[in-house]
């Protein structure tokens, strides 16, 4: 007996394709072991006794990971199985190091309890991760692109609101909500990534039009430079008014790279650099806060720079700590990372470098590399332009942030004040990165899901205005009753020729 023919839209291997959920469960177990082992070793080496709450902690973390895994299995069954375990491993290592620094601060009479606060922020991030996955199709975000733009700009100006914003270490990028502080620019990068992807996929044909050819490059027409100039202006305002070099570089770099991917024109990269470098030079020579960081970077070992307020003391201490760790590190709890200021936030990479050595630092960087690679792989596999640009933008955001932080700590570039994703102490950064992870999981589910199992949602943003209105009016109109034998769509195969999907193929969809 021959099996019925398979529709052309369904891959031949769809019925036997592995969703990867059991692989995700195994990797989550390994990630849990990494985080819990770091926590136990830290407490053993600092106090000489096993942590009394280690069993309860292990049970709680296992329960949380199990719930999140089952939620992903239900809401995004075809998602990439590597994304979530990689983030859990990084988050666990960060919690262990923050807890380790709390033990050192307690010995000097400074009780901050950063570890407990970070655990609370992690729980909030996981809850938001699960809520974002309730969105069944990422293309729905295109309907909210204007709201994403205004929301991103609104979060960016919140620190200027009197009584809400506050200045920390020369940069006005924080707001206070009761006893908690929050950096709203972290959410700005997520919202603007959505807006950039939506805007560029709708206008990429205009932006890719060749203007004049100068020095071997196809330069765009003047009127098509307007979006780039607007984003450039916003980035410079952030740099000048908030004195935040890190967020300025992140926002401008995010847009320029997304623009380059959308149009495949290297000239946009050259134009972006030509616009940003003079502004950065002006900030380095006229803004005291930025000029201070440039001086500390260029003359870090100068005794006068080392000892001056806002000098290179923090940078040099972090470098000495990493040098003391050497190749294999001092071991969890055996170093002195607490001697560096902001060792649990801005300089957590230096703290980990001291106690895990160059080997451990490279292993952590490999985790980030895997995370970014999986995001870019998702972008390549997606079938729609908006999803491709959004996955690229979110992956590049993580990559650029890690590069800027690690480059600043190792004195490759000046310090910027950004935090390391999933590792560093900071609720705003942690929540934003869990949202980014949820979006990447949703995007990877769409990329790996067979075409026949994907939700059929018409993306009206790519349609002409008249046709878009007809589709939206048809969606709002009541659907008349139809015979069961009628096909669902005009281009769909009649039900008599459609194969019956086995239960193991439907999975948790």
Protein backbone atom coordinates (compact mmCIF):
# COMPACT_ATOMS: atom_id res chain seq x y z
CA UNK A 1 0.00 0.00 0.00
CA UNK A 2 1.49 3.33 -1.04
CA UNK A 3 1.40 6.34 1.23
CA UNK A 4 -0.46 9.47 0.08
CA UNK A 5 1.53 12.15 -1.68
CA UNK A 6 2.98 14.90 0.51
CA UNK A 7 2.17 18.53 -0.31
CA UNK A 8 4.97 20.45 -1.97
CA UNK A 9 5.23 22.87 0.99
CA UNK A 10 6.16 20.15 3.47
CA UNK A 11 9.78 19.00 3.59
CA UNK A 12 10.27 15.30 2.90
CA UNK A 13 11.86 14.77 6.28
CA UNK A 14 9.31 16.73 8.28
CA UNK A 15 7.72 13.66 9.85
CA UNK A 16 11.02 12.45 11.25
CA UNK A 17 12.67 15.76 12.02
CA UNK A 18 14.03 16.00 15.55
CA UNK A 19 12.79 19.02 17.49
CA UNK A 20 15.79 19.05 19.84
CA UNK A 21 13.88 19.29 23.09
CA UNK A 22 15.61 16.29 24.68
CA UNK A 23 18.97 17.73 23.66
CA UNK A 24 17.92 20.99 25.33
CA UNK A 25 17.04 19.08 28.52
CA UNK A 26 20.47 17.44 28.60
CA UNK A 27 22.27 20.73 27.98
CA UNK A 28 20.18 22.42 30.68
CA UNK A 29 21.32 19.76 33.13
CA UNK A 30 24.97 20.50 32.26
CA UNK A 31 24.35 24.24 32.65
CA UNK A 32 22.81 23.67 36.08
CA UNK A 33 25.78 21.57 37.17
CA UNK A 34 28.17 24.35 36.09
CA UNK A 35 26.34 27.04 38.07
CA UNK A 36 25.76 24.95 41.20
CA UNK A 37 29.34 23.64 41.24
CA UNK A 38 30.65 27.21 41.08
CA UNK A 39 28.34 28.21 43.94
CA UNK A 40 29.40 25.29 46.18
CA UNK A 41 33.14 25.69 45.47
CA UNK A 42 32.93 29.40 46.21
CA UNK A 43 31.32 28.82 49.61
CA UNK A 44 33.69 25.96 50.47
CA UNK A 45 36.79 28.00 49.69
CA UNK A 46 35.55 31.16 51.43
CA UNK A 47 33.99 29.67 54.58
CA UNK A 48 35.47 26.17 54.79
CA UNK A 49 32.03 24.59 55.06
CA UNK A 50 29.47 23.36 52.57
CA UNK A 51 26.61 25.86 52.08
CA UNK A 52 23.67 24.80 54.23
CA UNK A 53 21.20 25.97 51.62
CA UNK A 54 22.92 24.23 48.68
CA UNK A 55 20.36 21.42 48.47
CA UNK A 56 17.43 23.84 48.59
CA UNK A 57 19.12 26.05 46.02
CA UNK A 58 19.76 23.07 43.74
CA UNK A 59 16.14 21.96 44.05
CA UNK A 60 14.81 25.46 43.37
CA UNK A 61 17.00 26.03 40.31
CA UNK A 62 16.20 22.58 38.94
CA UNK A 63 12.49 23.25 39.35
CA UNK A 64 12.78 26.61 37.59
CA UNK A 65 14.75 25.13 34.69
CA UNK A 66 12.28 22.27 34.39
CA UNK A 67 9.32 24.65 34.24
CA UNK A 68 11.04 26.86 31.64
CA UNK A 69 12.02 23.84 29.57
CA UNK A 70 8.46 22.50 29.60
CA UNK A 71 7.17 25.97 28.69
CA UNK A 72 9.54 26.13 25.70
CA UNK A 73 8.53 22.60 24.77
CA UNK A 74 4.90 23.72 24.70
CA UNK A 75 5.14 27.21 23.17
CA UNK A 76 8.19 26.88 20.88
CA UNK A 77 8.71 23.15 20.23
CA UNK A 78 11.01 23.68 17.23
CA UNK A 79 13.26 26.26 18.89
CA UNK A 80 17.04 25.99 18.83
CA UNK A 81 17.99 23.65 21.71
CA UNK A 82 21.28 25.45 22.45
CA UNK A 83 20.08 29.01 23.12
CA UNK A 84 18.40 28.52 26.51
CA UNK A 85 21.10 26.27 28.09
CA UNK A 86 23.85 28.69 27.02
CA UNK A 87 22.07 31.61 28.67
CA UNK A 88 21.39 29.56 31.82
CA UNK A 89 25.08 28.63 32.08
CA UNK A 90 26.18 32.27 31.74
CA UNK A 91 23.56 33.43 34.23
CA UNK A 92 24.60 30.73 36.70
CA UNK A 93 28.29 31.65 36.47
CA UNK A 94 27.40 35.29 37.01
CA UNK A 95 25.27 34.51 40.09
CA UNK A 96 28.09 32.41 41.56
CA UNK A 97 30.66 35.21 41.12
CA UNK A 98 28.31 37.86 42.54
CA UNK A 99 27.68 35.60 45.56
CA UNK A 100 31.43 35.07 45.92
CA UNK A 101 32.01 38.85 45.98
CA UNK A 102 29.25 39.26 48.58
CA UNK A 103 31.20 36.93 50.89
CA UNK A 104 34.30 39.11 50.51
CA UNK A 105 32.37 42.32 51.08
CA UNK A 106 30.89 40.87 54.27
CA UNK A 107 34.39 40.33 55.71
CA UNK A 108 35.07 44.05 55.34
CA UNK A 109 31.77 45.03 56.93
CA UNK A 110 30.03 45.91 53.65
CA UNK A 111 26.76 44.02 53.49
CA UNK A 112 25.21 44.63 50.06
CA UNK A 113 23.44 41.32 49.36
CA UNK A 114 23.94 41.73 45.62
CA UNK A 115 23.50 37.99 45.04
CA UNK A 116 19.94 37.95 46.39
CA UNK A 117 19.00 41.01 44.35
CA UNK A 118 20.45 39.45 41.21
CA UNK A 119 18.49 36.26 41.88
CA UNK A 120 15.28 38.32 42.08
CA UNK A 121 16.11 40.07 38.80
CA UNK A 122 16.81 36.66 37.26
CA UNK A 123 13.39 35.43 38.34
CA UNK A 124 11.76 38.51 36.80
CA UNK A 125 13.75 37.97 33.61
CA UNK A 126 12.62 34.33 33.39
CA UNK A 127 8.98 35.38 33.88
CA UNK A 128 9.28 37.93 31.06
CA UNK A 129 10.98 35.26 28.93
CA UNK A 130 7.94 33.02 29.35
CA UNK A 131 5.51 35.88 28.67
CA UNK A 132 7.26 36.86 25.43
CA UNK A 133 6.97 33.27 24.21
CA UNK A 134 3.17 33.60 24.40
CA UNK A 135 3.51 35.53 21.14
CA UNK A 136 2.99 32.73 18.64
CA UNK A 137 4.41 34.50 15.59
CA UNK A 138 7.24 37.05 15.52
CA UNK A 139 5.76 38.84 12.50
CA UNK A 140 3.09 40.31 14.75
CA UNK A 141 5.78 42.68 16.06
CA UNK A 142 5.69 44.57 12.77
CA UNK A 143 2.26 45.88 13.68
CA UNK A 144 3.79 47.58 16.71
CA UNK A 145 6.91 49.03 15.09
CA UNK A 146 5.81 52.65 15.60
CA UNK A 147 5.08 51.97 19.27
CA UNK A 148 8.49 50.30 19.55
CA UNK A 149 10.17 53.42 18.15
CA UNK A 150 8.42 55.83 20.51
CA UNK A 151 8.83 53.46 23.44
CA UNK A 152 12.55 53.14 22.78
CA UNK A 153 13.00 56.91 22.57
CA UNK A 154 10.85 57.36 25.66
CA UNK A 155 13.01 55.01 27.71
CA UNK A 156 16.06 56.89 26.44
CA UNK A 157 14.91 60.24 27.83
CA UNK A 158 13.57 58.92 31.15
CA UNK A 159 16.83 59.74 33.00
CA UNK A 160 16.21 63.44 32.24
CA UNK A 161 12.89 63.46 34.10
CA UNK A 162 13.35 65.52 37.33
CA UNK A 163 13.11 63.39 40.43
CA UNK A 164 13.39 60.17 38.47
CA UNK A 165 16.77 60.26 36.76
CA UNK A 166 20.07 60.32 38.60
CA UNK A 167 23.72 60.71 37.68
CA UNK A 168 26.16 57.91 38.55
CA UNK A 169 29.90 58.14 37.86
CA UNK A 170 29.45 61.10 35.54
CA UNK A 171 26.77 59.48 33.33
CA UNK A 172 23.06 60.28 33.61
CA UNK A 173 21.66 56.93 32.51
CA UNK A 174 19.88 55.67 35.64
CA UNK A 175 16.41 56.07 37.12
CA UNK A 176 15.38 55.19 40.68
CA UNK A 177 12.22 53.26 41.45
CA UNK A 178 12.05 53.13 45.23
CA UNK A 179 15.06 51.20 46.53
CA UNK A 180 15.88 49.83 43.06
CA UNK A 181 17.78 51.52 40.25
CA UNK A 182 17.17 50.82 36.57
CA UNK A 183 18.96 51.67 33.32
CA UNK A 184 16.17 52.20 30.75
CA UNK A 185 18.57 52.33 27.78
CA UNK A 186 18.85 48.54 28.07
CA UNK A 187 15.22 48.21 26.99
CA UNK A 188 15.75 50.86 24.32
CA UNK A 189 18.08 48.57 22.38
CA UNK A 190 15.40 45.84 22.23
CA UNK A 191 12.62 48.17 21.10
CA UNK A 192 14.78 49.97 18.54
CA UNK A 193 16.00 46.65 17.15
CA UNK A 194 12.36 45.80 16.40
CA UNK A 195 11.76 49.20 14.83
CA UNK A 196 14.97 49.12 12.76
CA UNK A 197 14.18 45.66 11.40
CA UNK A 198 10.61 46.67 10.48
CA UNK A 199 11.62 50.00 8.90
CA UNK A 200 14.51 48.60 6.90
CA UNK A 201 12.64 45.59 5.52
CA UNK A 202 9.94 47.97 4.24
CA UNK A 203 12.39 50.49 2.76
CA UNK A 204 15.39 48.41 1.78
CA UNK A 205 14.68 48.82 -1.95
CA UNK A 206 14.85 52.61 -1.65
CA UNK A 207 17.93 52.44 0.55
CA UNK A 208 19.66 50.06 -1.86
CA UNK A 209 19.17 52.35 -4.87
CA UNK A 210 22.52 53.40 -6.23
CA UNK A 211 23.28 57.08 -6.43
CA UNK A 212 26.63 58.32 -7.56
CA UNK A 213 29.66 56.10 -7.69
CA UNK A 214 32.57 57.66 -5.80
CA UNK A 215 35.93 55.95 -5.19
CA UNK A 216 34.52 52.59 -6.18
CA UNK A 217 31.51 52.83 -3.82
CA UNK A 218 27.84 53.28 -4.70
CA UNK A 219 26.78 56.15 -2.49
CA UNK A 220 23.05 56.51 -1.70
CA UNK A 221 20.92 59.42 -2.75
CA UNK A 222 20.78 62.36 -0.39
CA UNK A 223 17.14 61.88 0.59
CA UNK A 224 17.85 58.29 1.61
CA UNK A 225 20.44 59.46 4.12
CA UNK A 226 17.70 60.94 6.35
CA UNK A 227 17.10 57.81 8.52
CA UNK A 228 20.81 57.40 9.14
CA UNK A 229 21.15 61.08 10.06
CA UNK A 230 18.22 60.86 12.50
CA UNK A 231 19.71 57.86 14.32
CA UNK A 232 23.12 59.54 14.25
CA UNK A 233 21.59 62.64 15.85
CA UNK A 234 19.92 60.59 18.59
CA UNK A 235 23.19 58.76 19.31
CA UNK A 236 25.11 62.02 19.56
CA UNK A 237 22.48 63.49 21.90
CA UNK A 238 22.88 60.42 24.12
CA UNK A 239 26.64 60.87 24.03
CA UNK A 240 26.55 64.59 24.83
CA UNK A 241 23.61 64.91 27.22
CA UNK A 242 23.84 61.59 29.06
CA UNK A 243 27.63 61.31 28.68
CA UNK A 244 27.16 57.62 27.96
CA UNK A 245 29.65 56.48 25.33
CA UNK A 246 28.58 52.81 25.57
CA UNK A 247 24.89 53.27 24.76
CA UNK A 248 25.74 55.70 21.97
CA UNK A 249 28.09 53.22 20.30
CA UNK A 250 25.58 50.39 20.77
CA UNK A 251 22.60 52.20 19.26
CA UNK A 252 24.47 53.64 16.30
CA UNK A 253 26.35 50.41 15.59
CA UNK A 254 23.11 48.43 15.79
CA UNK A 255 21.42 50.58 13.16
CA UNK A 256 24.38 50.77 10.78
CA UNK A 257 24.98 47.01 10.81
CA UNK A 258 21.26 46.26 10.35
CA UNK A 259 21.22 48.75 7.48
CA UNK A 260 24.21 47.05 5.88
CA UNK A 261 22.61 43.60 6.20
CA UNK A 262 19.31 44.89 4.74
CA UNK A 263 20.90 46.54 1.68
CA UNK A 264 24.15 44.54 1.25
CA UNK A 265 25.99 47.78 0.56
CA UNK A 266 29.36 48.29 2.30
CA UNK A 267 29.13 52.00 1.58
CA UNK A 268 26.70 52.32 4.52
CA UNK A 269 29.43 51.09 6.87
CA UNK A 270 31.83 53.69 5.50
CA UNK A 271 29.22 56.45 5.76
CA UNK A 272 28.37 55.40 9.32
CA UNK A 273 32.02 55.48 10.37
CA UNK A 274 32.50 58.85 8.65
CA UNK A 275 29.58 60.26 10.66
CA UNK A 276 30.43 58.76 14.03
CA UNK A 277 34.20 59.19 14.23
CA UNK A 278 34.20 63.01 14.13
CA UNK A 279 31.50 63.08 16.82
CA UNK A 280 33.53 60.67 18.96
CA UNK A 281 36.62 62.85 18.47
CA UNK A 282 34.67 65.93 19.56
CA UNK A 283 33.43 64.11 22.68
CA UNK A 284 36.94 62.91 23.52
CA UNK A 285 38.33 66.44 23.33
CA UNK A 286 35.49 68.54 24.75
CA UNK A 287 33.49 66.36 27.18
CA UNK A 288 35.28 66.00 30.51
CA UNK A 289 33.82 62.59 31.36
CA UNK A 290 34.71 61.02 28.01
CA UNK A 291 38.08 62.76 27.95
CA UNK A 292 38.86 61.29 31.37
CA UNK A 293 38.22 57.76 30.11
CA UNK A 294 40.34 58.30 27.01
CA UNK A 295 43.22 59.57 29.15
CA UNK A 296 42.91 56.61 31.54
CA UNK A 297 43.02 54.28 28.54
CA UNK A 298 46.00 55.83 26.79
CA UNK A 299 48.12 56.51 29.90
CA UNK A 300 46.90 53.83 32.31
CA UNK A 301 50.34 53.15 33.81
CA UNK A 302 51.22 56.80 34.33
CA UNK A 303 51.37 57.38 38.14
CA UNK A 304 49.65 60.76 37.87
CA UNK A 305 46.80 59.30 35.81
CA UNK A 306 46.62 56.27 38.11
CA UNK A 307 46.10 58.40 41.22
CA UNK A 308 43.88 61.19 39.90
CA UNK A 309 40.10 61.11 40.57
CA UNK A 310 38.43 59.08 37.84
CA UNK A 311 41.81 57.89 36.64
CA UNK A 312 43.09 54.46 35.69
CA UNK A 313 43.11 52.90 39.17
CA UNK A 314 40.12 50.64 38.46
CA UNK A 315 41.43 49.57 35.05
CA UNK A 316 44.96 48.80 36.28
CA UNK A 317 43.66 46.88 39.31
CA UNK A 318 41.55 44.71 37.02
CA UNK A 319 44.53 44.07 34.73
CA UNK A 320 46.71 43.06 37.68
CA UNK A 321 43.96 40.74 38.91
CA UNK A 322 43.75 38.94 35.56
CA UNK A 323 47.55 38.71 35.44
CA UNK A 324 47.53 37.19 38.94
CA UNK A 325 45.04 34.55 37.75
CA UNK A 326 47.37 33.44 34.96
CA UNK A 327 46.47 30.53 32.72
CA UNK A 328 44.33 28.41 35.07
CA UNK A 329 43.22 30.98 37.65
CA UNK A 330 43.38 31.00 41.42
CA UNK A 331 40.16 28.98 41.81
CA UNK A 332 36.68 29.93 42.96
CA UNK A 333 36.95 32.07 46.09
CA UNK A 334 40.76 32.02 46.19
CA UNK A 335 41.53 35.36 44.54
CA UNK A 336 41.06 39.02 45.49
CA UNK A 337 38.66 40.41 42.84
CA UNK A 338 36.93 42.52 45.47
CA UNK A 339 39.90 44.92 45.43
CA UNK A 340 38.62 46.26 42.10
CA UNK A 341 35.71 48.68 42.28
CA UNK A 342 32.49 47.50 40.60
CA UNK A 343 33.95 44.00 40.44
CA UNK A 344 30.46 42.48 40.21
CA UNK A 345 29.19 44.71 37.39
CA UNK A 346 31.53 46.62 35.06
CA UNK A 347 34.55 44.44 35.89
CA UNK A 348 33.00 41.02 36.41
CA UNK A 349 35.03 39.76 33.44
CA UNK A 350 38.21 40.74 35.30
CA UNK A 351 36.90 39.00 38.44
CA UNK A 352 36.24 35.80 36.53
CA UNK A 353 39.58 36.13 34.74
CA UNK A 354 41.39 36.22 38.06
CA UNK A 355 39.72 33.15 39.57
CA UNK A 356 39.15 31.08 36.40
CA UNK A 357 42.23 32.21 34.51
CA UNK A 358 42.66 32.67 30.79
CA UNK A 359 41.20 29.20 30.22
CA UNK A 360 37.96 29.97 32.03
CA UNK A 361 37.68 33.38 30.38
CA UNK A 362 38.03 31.84 26.93
CA UNK A 363 35.40 29.23 27.83
CA UNK A 364 32.97 32.03 28.78
CA UNK A 365 33.73 33.88 25.55
CA UNK A 366 33.04 30.64 23.67
CA UNK A 367 29.60 30.52 25.28
CA UNK A 368 28.92 34.01 23.95
CA UNK A 369 30.25 32.97 20.56
CA UNK A 370 27.85 30.01 20.51
CA UNK A 371 24.95 32.27 21.49
CA UNK A 372 25.70 34.78 18.72
CA UNK A 373 26.40 32.05 16.15
CA UNK A 374 23.07 30.38 16.87
CA UNK A 375 21.30 33.71 16.51
CA UNK A 376 22.93 34.41 13.14
CA UNK A 377 22.21 30.86 12.04
CA UNK A 378 18.57 31.50 12.86
CA UNK A 379 18.68 34.66 10.73
CA UNK A 380 19.97 32.67 7.75
CA UNK A 381 17.27 30.01 8.11
CA UNK A 382 14.28 32.33 8.49
CA UNK A 383 11.94 32.69 5.53
CA UNK A 384 10.86 36.34 6.00
CA UNK A 385 12.92 39.51 5.73
CA UNK A 386 11.74 41.02 9.01
CA UNK A 387 12.72 37.93 10.98
CA UNK A 388 16.12 37.81 9.31
CA UNK A 389 16.88 41.43 10.20
CA UNK A 390 15.51 41.12 13.74
CA UNK A 391 17.56 37.99 14.50
CA UNK A 392 20.65 39.70 13.05
CA UNK A 393 20.08 42.86 15.09
CA UNK A 394 19.54 40.99 18.37
CA UNK A 395 22.57 38.74 17.82
CA UNK A 396 24.75 41.70 16.90
CA UNK A 397 23.58 43.54 20.04
CA UNK A 398 24.95 40.74 22.22
CA UNK A 399 28.17 40.50 20.20
CA UNK A 400 28.85 44.24 20.24
CA UNK A 401 28.11 44.55 23.95
CA UNK A 402 30.48 41.69 24.82
CA UNK A 403 33.19 43.15 22.58
CA UNK A 404 32.87 46.62 24.11
CA UNK A 405 32.94 45.30 27.70
CA UNK A 406 35.78 42.81 27.26
CA UNK A 407 37.71 45.29 25.12
CA UNK A 408 37.42 47.93 27.84
CA UNK A 409 38.47 45.61 30.68
CA UNK A 410 41.49 44.33 28.73
CA UNK A 411 42.45 47.89 27.64
CA UNK A 412 41.82 47.24 23.97
CA UNK A 413 39.40 50.19 23.84
CA UNK A 414 38.32 52.82 26.41
CA UNK A 415 35.89 51.83 29.14
CA UNK A 416 32.27 52.53 28.27
CA UNK A 417 30.21 51.44 31.29
CA UNK A 418 28.19 48.72 29.54
CA UNK A 419 27.48 45.49 31.38
CA UNK A 420 28.29 41.95 30.29
CA UNK A 421 25.09 40.14 29.15
CA UNK A 422 23.76 37.56 31.68
CA UNK A 423 26.96 37.77 33.79
CA UNK A 424 27.17 41.20 35.37
CA UNK A 425 25.11 42.53 38.25
CA UNK A 426 22.31 44.75 37.03
CA UNK A 427 18.59 44.18 36.78
CA UNK A 428 17.95 46.26 33.66
CA UNK A 429 20.63 44.47 31.66
CA UNK A 430 19.50 41.04 32.85
CA UNK A 431 15.84 41.63 32.04
CA UNK A 432 16.67 43.06 28.60
CA UNK A 433 18.86 40.09 27.74
CA UNK A 434 16.23 37.55 28.83
CA UNK A 435 13.78 39.34 26.52
CA UNK A 436 16.34 39.17 23.70
CA UNK A 437 16.77 35.46 24.41
CA UNK A 438 13.00 34.92 24.25
CA UNK A 439 12.82 36.68 20.89
CA UNK A 440 15.69 34.58 19.55
CA UNK A 441 13.96 31.42 20.78
CA UNK A 442 10.75 32.46 19.06
CA UNK A 443 12.62 33.32 15.86
CA UNK A 444 14.50 30.02 15.90
CA UNK A 445 11.21 28.16 16.34
CA UNK A 446 9.93 29.81 13.17
CA UNK A 447 13.19 29.06 11.35
CA UNK A 448 13.30 25.35 12.24
CA UNK A 449 9.59 24.62 12.06
CA UNK A 450 8.42 22.79 8.90
CA UNK A 451 6.50 25.02 6.52
CA UNK A 452 3.26 23.04 6.93
CA UNK A 453 3.39 23.43 10.72
CA UNK A 454 4.12 27.17 10.70
CA UNK A 455 1.24 29.51 11.58
CA UNK A 456 -0.36 31.06 8.50
CA UNK A 457 -0.34 34.77 9.25
CA UNK A 458 -0.43 37.32 6.44
CA UNK A 459 2.22 40.00 6.95
CA UNK A 460 0.33 43.03 5.61
CA UNK A 461 3.28 45.40 5.98
CA UNK A 462 4.73 44.23 2.65
CA UNK A 463 1.47 44.66 0.73
CA UNK A 464 0.38 47.77 -1.23
CA UNK A 465 -1.89 50.13 0.69
CA UNK A 466 -5.07 49.22 -1.19
CA UNK A 467 -4.50 45.47 -0.91
CA UNK A 468 -3.48 45.81 2.74
CA UNK A 469 -6.80 47.52 3.52
CA UNK A 470 -8.71 44.73 1.77
CA UNK A 471 -6.90 42.04 3.77
CA UNK A 472 -7.47 43.85 7.07
CA UNK A 473 -11.15 44.42 6.25
CA UNK A 474 -11.49 40.73 5.39
CA UNK A 475 -9.94 39.78 8.72
CA UNK A 476 -12.43 41.99 10.57
CA UNK A 477 -15.46 40.74 8.66
CA UNK A 478 -17.40 37.70 10.00
CA UNK A 479 -16.40 34.45 8.32
CA UNK A 480 -19.32 32.75 6.50
CA UNK A 481 -20.00 29.09 7.12
CA UNK A 482 -18.32 26.78 4.63
CA UNK A 483 -18.62 23.07 3.94
CA UNK A 484 -16.02 20.97 5.69
CA UNK A 485 -14.73 19.64 2.39
CA UNK A 486 -13.81 23.10 1.10
CA UNK A 487 -10.06 23.88 1.16
CA UNK A 488 -8.87 26.39 3.76
CA UNK A 489 -6.96 28.52 1.26
CA UNK A 490 -7.19 28.99 -2.48
CA UNK A 491 -3.69 27.64 -2.99
CA UNK A 492 -4.02 24.82 -0.47
CA UNK A 493 -4.28 21.17 -1.44
CA UNK A 494 -7.72 19.54 -1.05
CA UNK A 495 -8.02 17.61 2.23
CA UNK A 496 -8.33 14.33 0.31
CA UNK A 497 -4.72 14.58 -0.84
CA UNK A 498 -3.26 15.93 2.42
CA UNK A 499 -1.38 13.31 4.42
CA UNK A 500 -2.27 12.61 7.99
CA UNK A 501 0.49 13.86 10.28
CA UNK A 502 1.50 11.31 12.91
CA UNK A 503 1.29 12.23 16.54
CA UNK A 504 5.06 12.34 17.00
CA UNK A 505 5.35 14.94 14.22
CA UNK A 506 2.80 17.27 15.80
CA UNK A 507 4.75 17.17 19.04
CA UNK A 508 3.86 20.00 21.34
CA UNK A 509 2.73 22.41 18.63
